[in-house]
Amino acid sequence: MTATYPKSKQTATSKVYRAKVTGRHAITLPAELCRQLGIEVGDTIELEIQGEKAELRPAREPRIYSLEELRGILRPLYRDWDDIQQHIRELRDEWDDHPELEDVPLSNQVHE
């Protein structure tokens, strides 16, 4: 005889859902859980592990800052654009002390 379990159970402060792990370690989230969390097909979720507990939530998209916001963030560090470029030149000069970095591609070079 195979034991059957309820799909969810309610407690005073939370609701517990059950899902089965397939042979490929995939799970199907209950529709009610997806509706409650606003998870749509194709969304990415995050699982945060704390001891033996896992917290599931919709993945947060990284914040994209505007150029003005970035200027504000960097303002305490640099007086102006020339100051930023000077710092970059100094950092590149330090690379001579690290030959292991010679073959590292520079994908976002600052053009002077």
Protein backbone atom coordinates (compact mmCIF):
# COMPACT_ATOMS: atom_id res chain seq x y z
CA MET A 1 0.00 0.00 0.00
CA THR A 2 1.37 3.40 -1.00
CA ALA A 3 0.99 6.26 1.44
CA THR A 4 -0.68 9.37 0.10
CA TYR A 5 -0.01 12.81 1.48
CA PRO A 6 -2.11 15.95 1.24
CA LYS A 7 -0.84 18.53 -1.27
CA SER A 8 -0.72 21.16 1.46
CA LYS A 9 -1.45 21.70 5.12
CA GLN A 10 -2.39 24.86 6.95
CA THR A 11 -0.97 25.92 10.31
CA ALA A 12 -1.82 28.97 12.39
CA THR A 13 0.95 31.05 10.77
CA SER A 14 1.87 29.32 7.51
CA LYS A 15 0.90 26.93 4.77
CA VAL A 16 3.10 23.95 3.89
CA TYR A 17 3.06 22.61 0.32
CA ARG A 18 4.34 19.24 -0.91
CA ALA A 19 6.05 18.54 -4.24
CA LYS A 20 7.76 15.41 -5.50
CA VAL A 21 11.35 15.41 -6.79
CA THR A 22 11.69 13.58 -10.13
CA GLY A 23 14.61 11.47 -11.31
CA ARG A 24 16.20 14.59 -12.81
CA HIS A 25 15.86 16.50 -9.52
CA ALA A 26 13.04 18.63 -10.93
CA ILE A 27 9.97 19.60 -8.95
CA THR A 28 6.58 20.86 -10.06
CA LEU A 29 5.37 23.69 -7.88
CA PRO A 30 1.70 23.54 -6.90
CA ALA A 31 -0.44 26.01 -8.87
CA GLU A 32 -1.81 27.55 -5.67
CA LEU A 33 1.74 28.27 -4.45
CA CYS A 34 2.64 29.88 -7.79
CA ARG A 35 -0.46 32.08 -7.67
CA GLN A 36 0.29 33.09 -4.08
CA LEU A 37 3.89 34.08 -4.93
CA GLY A 38 3.14 35.50 -8.38
CA ILE A 39 5.36 32.94 -10.10
CA GLU A 40 4.70 32.53 -13.84
CA VAL A 41 5.92 29.88 -16.30
CA GLY A 42 9.50 30.73 -17.27
CA ASP A 43 10.22 32.78 -14.13
CA THR A 44 13.39 32.16 -12.15
CA ILE A 45 13.11 31.36 -8.47
CA GLU A 46 15.63 31.48 -5.64
CA LEU A 47 16.01 28.86 -2.93
CA GLU A 48 17.79 30.05 0.21
CA ILE A 49 19.03 27.26 2.47
CA GLN A 50 19.07 27.82 6.23
CA GLY A 51 20.09 24.64 8.03
CA GLU A 52 17.54 22.03 6.97
CA LYS A 53 15.02 24.60 5.72
CA ALA A 54 14.75 26.07 2.24
CA GLU A 55 13.01 29.37 1.54
CA LEU A 56 11.61 29.69 -1.99
CA ARG A 57 10.87 33.08 -3.56
CA PRO A 58 10.71 34.73 -6.97
CA ALA A 59 14.22 35.80 -8.02
CA ARG A 60 14.87 39.49 -7.74
CA GLU A 61 16.24 41.14 -10.85
CA PRO A 62 19.47 43.02 -10.20
CA ARG A 63 18.96 46.77 -9.95
CA ILE A 64 20.05 48.72 -13.01
CA TYR A 65 21.36 52.15 -12.10
CA SER A 66 21.07 55.16 -14.36
CA LEU A 67 24.23 57.05 -15.29
CA GLU A 68 23.17 59.88 -12.98
CA GLU A 69 22.76 57.47 -10.05
CA LEU A 70 26.19 55.99 -10.73
CA ARG A 71 27.71 59.45 -10.81
CA GLY A 72 26.14 60.10 -7.43
CA ILE A 73 27.52 56.85 -6.02
CA LEU A 74 31.04 57.62 -7.29
CA ARG A 75 30.99 61.32 -6.34
CA PRO A 76 32.57 60.77 -2.88
CA LEU A 77 35.42 58.79 -4.51
CA TYR A 78 36.24 60.87 -7.59
CA ARG A 79 36.12 64.60 -8.33
CA ASP A 80 35.46 64.23 -12.06
CA TRP A 81 35.86 61.99 -15.13
CA ASP A 82 39.58 62.80 -15.39
CA ASP A 83 40.05 61.58 -11.82
CA ILE A 84 38.35 58.26 -12.72
CA GLN A 85 40.54 57.81 -15.81
CA GLN A 86 43.67 58.55 -13.77
CA HIS A 87 42.70 55.88 -11.26
CA ILE A 88 42.15 53.36 -14.07
CA ARG A 89 45.60 54.17 -15.51
CA GLU A 90 47.18 53.63 -12.09
CA LEU A 91 45.44 50.27 -11.71
CA ARG A 92 46.59 49.18 -15.17
CA ASP A 93 50.17 50.17 -14.31
CA GLU A 94 49.95 47.83 -11.31
CA TRP A 95 49.22 44.93 -13.70
CA ASP A 96 52.92 44.86 -14.59
CA ASP A 97 53.42 43.36 -11.12
CA HIS A 98 51.01 40.52 -11.99
CA PRO A 99 52.12 38.62 -15.13
CA GLU A 100 49.40 36.00 -14.53
CA LEU A 101 46.85 38.62 -15.64
CA GLU A 102 48.41 39.14 -19.08
CA ASP A 103 45.98 36.88 -20.93
CA VAL A 104 42.84 38.02 -19.12
CA PRO A 105 40.51 39.65 -21.69
CA LEU A 106 39.32 43.17 -21.00
CA SER A 107 35.66 43.17 -21.94
CA ASN A 108 34.77 46.65 -20.75
CA GLN A 109 37.75 48.84 -21.48
CA VAL A 110 37.49 52.58 -20.92
CA HIS A 111 38.40 54.41 -24.10
CA GLU A 112 40.29 57.64 -23.71
